[in-house]
Amino acid sequence: MDVVFLIGRILFVAVVLSSGVAHLTSTAAMAGAAPIPLFDV
């Protein structure tokens, strides 16, 4: 039964890490969520 929990943890870490990498590398998608500057300098 310990093997099942180990496999579950490994899969969970893989999903979290791949999600984090995808979030940090998708700058074009996140550019639309940037706040609009109040003053143009």
PDB file of N, CA and C in Angstrom:
ATOM      1  N   MET A   1       0.825  -1.203   0.000  1.00  0.00           N
ATOM      2  CA  MET A   1       0.000   0.000   0.000  1.00  0.00           C
ATOM      3  C   MET A   1       0.867   1.264   0.000  1.00  0.00           C
ATOM      4  N   ASP A   2       2.078   1.143   0.562  1.00  0.00           N
ATOM      5  CA  ASP A   2       2.975   2.296   0.562  1.00  0.00           C
ATOM      6  C   ASP A   2       3.394   2.685  -0.848  1.00  0.00           C
ATOM      7  N   VAL A   3       3.463   1.697  -1.736  1.00  0.00           N
ATOM      8  CA  VAL A   3       3.844   1.980  -3.125  1.00  0.00           C
ATOM      9  C   VAL A   3       2.784   2.834  -3.794  1.00  0.00           C
ATOM     10  N   VAL A   4       1.525   2.607  -3.477  1.00  0.00           N
ATOM     11  CA  VAL A   4       0.436   3.384  -4.070  1.00  0.00           C
ATOM     12  C   VAL A   4       0.538   4.844  -3.638  1.00  0.00           C
ATOM     13  N   PHE A   5       0.823   5.082  -2.361  1.00  0.00           N
ATOM     14  CA  PHE A   5       0.969   6.458  -1.887  1.00  0.00           C
ATOM     15  C   PHE A   5       2.190   7.132  -2.496  1.00  0.00           C
ATOM     16  N   LEU A   6       3.276   6.390  -2.665  1.00  0.00           N
ATOM     17  CA  LEU A   6       4.475   6.946  -3.281  1.00  0.00           C
ATOM     18  C   LEU A   6       4.204   7.341  -4.728  1.00  0.00           C
ATOM     19  N   ILE A   7       3.525   6.492  -5.474  1.00  0.00           N
ATOM     20  CA  ILE A   7       3.184   6.808  -6.863  1.00  0.00           C
ATOM     21  C   ILE A   7       2.254   8.017  -6.918  1.00  0.00           C
ATOM     22  N   GLY A   8       1.305   8.093  -5.996  1.00  0.00           N
ATOM     23  CA  GLY A   8       0.405   9.245  -5.946  1.00  0.00           C
ATOM     24  C   GLY A   8       1.137  10.535  -5.669  1.00  0.00           C
ATOM     25  N   ARG A   9       2.081  10.489  -4.746  1.00  0.00           N
ATOM     26  CA  ARG A   9       2.866  11.696  -4.436  1.00  0.00           C
ATOM     27  C   ARG A   9       3.722  12.124  -5.611  1.00  0.00           C
ATOM     28  N   ILE A  10       4.333  11.155  -6.285  1.00  0.00           N
ATOM     29  CA  ILE A  10       5.168  11.482  -7.446  1.00  0.00           C
ATOM     30  C   ILE A  10       4.323  12.106  -8.555  1.00  0.00           C
ATOM     31  N   LEU A  11       3.146  11.552  -8.808  1.00  0.00           N
ATOM     32  CA  LEU A  11       2.266  12.124  -9.832  1.00  0.00           C
ATOM     33  C   LEU A  11       1.791  13.522  -9.443  1.00  0.00           C
ATOM     34  N   PHE A  12       1.485  13.727  -8.161  1.00  0.00           N
ATOM     35  CA  PHE A  12       1.046  15.034  -7.701  1.00  0.00           C
ATOM     36  C   PHE A  12       2.147  16.071  -7.875  1.00  0.00           C
ATOM     37  N   VAL A  13       3.372  15.714  -7.512  1.00  0.00           N
ATOM     38  CA  VAL A  13       4.501  16.639  -7.673  1.00  0.00           C
ATOM     39  C   VAL A  13       4.727  16.941  -9.143  1.00  0.00           C
ATOM     40  N   ALA A  14       4.588  15.945 -10.004  1.00  0.00           N
ATOM     41  CA  ALA A  14       4.779  16.168 -11.438  1.00  0.00           C
ATOM     42  C   ALA A  14       3.744  17.149 -11.983  1.00  0.00           C
ATOM     43  N   VAL A  15       2.496  17.026 -11.547  1.00  0.00           N
ATOM     44  CA  VAL A  15       1.443  17.932 -12.007  1.00  0.00           C
ATOM     45  C   VAL A  15       1.698  19.352 -11.496  1.00  0.00           C
ATOM     46  N   VAL A  16       2.089  19.483 -10.232  1.00  0.00           N
ATOM     47  CA  VAL A  16       2.330  20.806  -9.664  1.00  0.00           C
ATOM     48  C   VAL A  16       3.524  21.475 -10.339  1.00  0.00           C
ATOM     49  N   LEU A  17       4.598  20.733 -10.553  1.00  0.00           N
ATOM     50  CA  LEU A  17       5.776  21.321 -11.195  1.00  0.00           C
ATOM     51  C   LEU A  17       5.498  21.715 -12.646  1.00  0.00           C
ATOM     52  N   SER A  18       4.782  20.869 -13.387  1.00  0.00           N
ATOM     53  CA  SER A  18       4.493  21.215 -14.778  1.00  0.00           C
ATOM     54  C   SER A  18       3.551  22.416 -14.854  1.00  0.00           C
ATOM     55  N   SER A  19       2.635  22.518 -13.916  1.00  0.00           N
ATOM     56  CA  SER A  19       1.751  23.671 -13.883  1.00  0.00           C
ATOM     57  C   SER A  19       2.528  24.949 -13.559  1.00  0.00           C
ATOM     58  N   GLY A  20       3.465  24.861 -12.641  1.00  0.00           N
ATOM     59  CA  GLY A  20       4.283  26.021 -12.291  1.00  0.00           C
ATOM     60  C   GLY A  20       5.158  26.477 -13.441  1.00  0.00           C
ATOM     61  N   VAL A  21       5.761  25.531 -14.128  1.00  0.00           N
ATOM     62  CA  VAL A  21       6.603  25.882 -15.279  1.00  0.00           C
ATOM     63  C   VAL A  21       5.755  26.502 -16.384  1.00  0.00           C
ATOM     64  N   ALA A  22       4.592  25.955 -16.634  1.00  0.00           N
ATOM     65  CA  ALA A  22       3.714  26.513 -17.667  1.00  0.00           C
ATOM     66  C   ALA A  22       3.258  27.917 -17.289  1.00  0.00           C
ATOM     67  N   HIS A  23       3.022  28.150 -16.011  1.00  0.00           N
ATOM     68  CA  HIS A  23       2.586  29.473 -15.563  1.00  0.00           C
ATOM     69  C   HIS A  23       3.704  30.494 -15.745  1.00  0.00           C
ATOM     70  N   LEU A  24       4.929  30.118 -15.432  1.00  0.00           N
ATOM     71  CA  LEU A  24       6.042  31.062 -15.508  1.00  0.00           C
ATOM     72  C   LEU A  24       6.511  31.315 -16.937  1.00  0.00           C
ATOM     73  N   THR A  25       6.242  30.401 -17.840  1.00  0.00           N
ATOM     74  CA  THR A  25       6.721  30.575 -19.215  1.00  0.00           C
ATOM     75  C   THR A  25       5.672  31.161 -20.147  1.00  0.00           C
ATOM     76  N   SER A  26       4.438  31.338 -19.698  1.00  0.00           N
ATOM     77  CA  SER A  26       3.396  31.883 -20.580  1.00  0.00           C
ATOM     78  C   SER A  26       3.245  33.387 -20.339  1.00  0.00           C
ATOM     79  N   THR A  27       4.276  34.144 -20.710  1.00  0.00           N
ATOM     80  CA  THR A  27       4.249  35.586 -20.466  1.00  0.00           C
ATOM     81  C   THR A  27       3.261  36.298 -21.387  1.00  0.00           C
ATOM     82  N   ALA A  28       3.045  35.797 -22.586  1.00  0.00           N
ATOM     83  CA  ALA A  28       2.120  36.453 -23.514  1.00  0.00           C
ATOM     84  C   ALA A  28       0.686  36.367 -22.988  1.00  0.00           C
ATOM     85  N   ALA A  29       0.336  35.243 -22.389  1.00  0.00           N
ATOM     86  CA  ALA A  29      -1.016  35.090 -21.858  1.00  0.00           C
ATOM     87  C   ALA A  29      -1.218  35.947 -20.621  1.00  0.00           C
ATOM     88  N   MET A  30      -0.159  36.140 -19.838  1.00  0.00           N
ATOM     89  CA  MET A  30      -0.284  36.930 -18.614  1.00  0.00           C
ATOM     90  C   MET A  30      -0.193  38.426 -18.874  1.00  0.00           C
ATOM     91  N   ALA A  31       0.256  38.832 -20.051  1.00  0.00           N
ATOM     92  CA  ALA A  31       0.402  40.253 -20.351  1.00  0.00           C
ATOM     93  C   ALA A  31      -0.950  40.953 -20.363  1.00  0.00           C
ATOM     94  N   GLY A  32      -2.001  40.247 -20.727  1.00  0.00           N
ATOM     95  CA  GLY A  32      -3.332  40.837 -20.733  1.00  0.00           C
ATOM     96  C   GLY A  32      -3.859  41.100 -19.329  1.00  0.00           C
ATOM     97  N   ALA A  33      -3.316  40.441 -18.333  1.00  0.00           N
ATOM     98  CA  ALA A  33      -3.779  40.622 -16.964  1.00  0.00           C
ATOM     99  C   ALA A  33      -3.016  41.712 -16.225  1.00  0.00           C
ATOM    100  N   ALA A  34      -2.060  42.341 -16.896  1.00  0.00           N
ATOM    101  CA  ALA A  34      -1.280  43.395 -16.245  1.00  0.00           C
ATOM    102  C   ALA A  34      -2.145  44.624 -16.023  1.00  0.00           C
ATOM    103  N   PRO A  35      -1.957  45.313 -14.911  1.00  0.00           N
ATOM    104  CA  PRO A  35      -2.765  46.513 -14.661  1.00  0.00           C
ATOM    105  C   PRO A  35      -2.423  47.634 -15.629  1.00  0.00           C
ATOM    106  N   ILE A  36      -3.410  48.434 -15.909  1.00  0.00           N
ATOM    107  CA  ILE A  36      -3.217  49.569 -16.817  1.00  0.00           C
ATOM    108  C   ILE A  36      -2.534  50.693 -16.031  1.00  0.00           C
ATOM    109  N   PRO A  37      -1.424  51.223 -16.539  1.00  0.00           N
ATOM    110  CA  PRO A  37      -0.742  52.301 -15.787  1.00  0.00           C
ATOM    111  C   PRO A  37      -1.591  53.564 -15.763  1.00  0.00           C
ATOM    112  N   LEU A  38      -1.555  54.241 -14.630  1.00  0.00           N
ATOM    113  CA  LEU A  38      -2.328  55.467 -14.488  1.00  0.00           C
ATOM    114  C   LEU A  38      -1.655  56.653 -15.165  1.00  0.00           C
ATOM    115  N   PHE A  39      -0.322  56.635 -15.193  1.00  0.00           N
ATOM    116  CA  PHE A  39       0.417  57.765 -15.766  1.00  0.00           C
ATOM    117  C   PHE A  39       1.370  57.244 -16.823  1.00  0.00           C
ATOM    118  N   ASP A  40       1.401  57.883 -17.981  1.00  0.00           N
ATOM    119  CA  ASP A  40       2.369  57.548 -19.003  1.00  0.00           C
ATOM    120  C   ASP A  40       3.627  58.378 -18.774  1.00  0.00           C
ATOM    121  N   VAL A  41       4.728  57.704 -18.598  1.00  0.00           N
ATOM    122  CA  VAL A  41       5.988  58.414 -18.320  1.00  0.00           C
ATOM    123  C   VAL A  41       6.877  58.322 -19.532  1.00  0.00           C
TER     124      VAL A  41
END
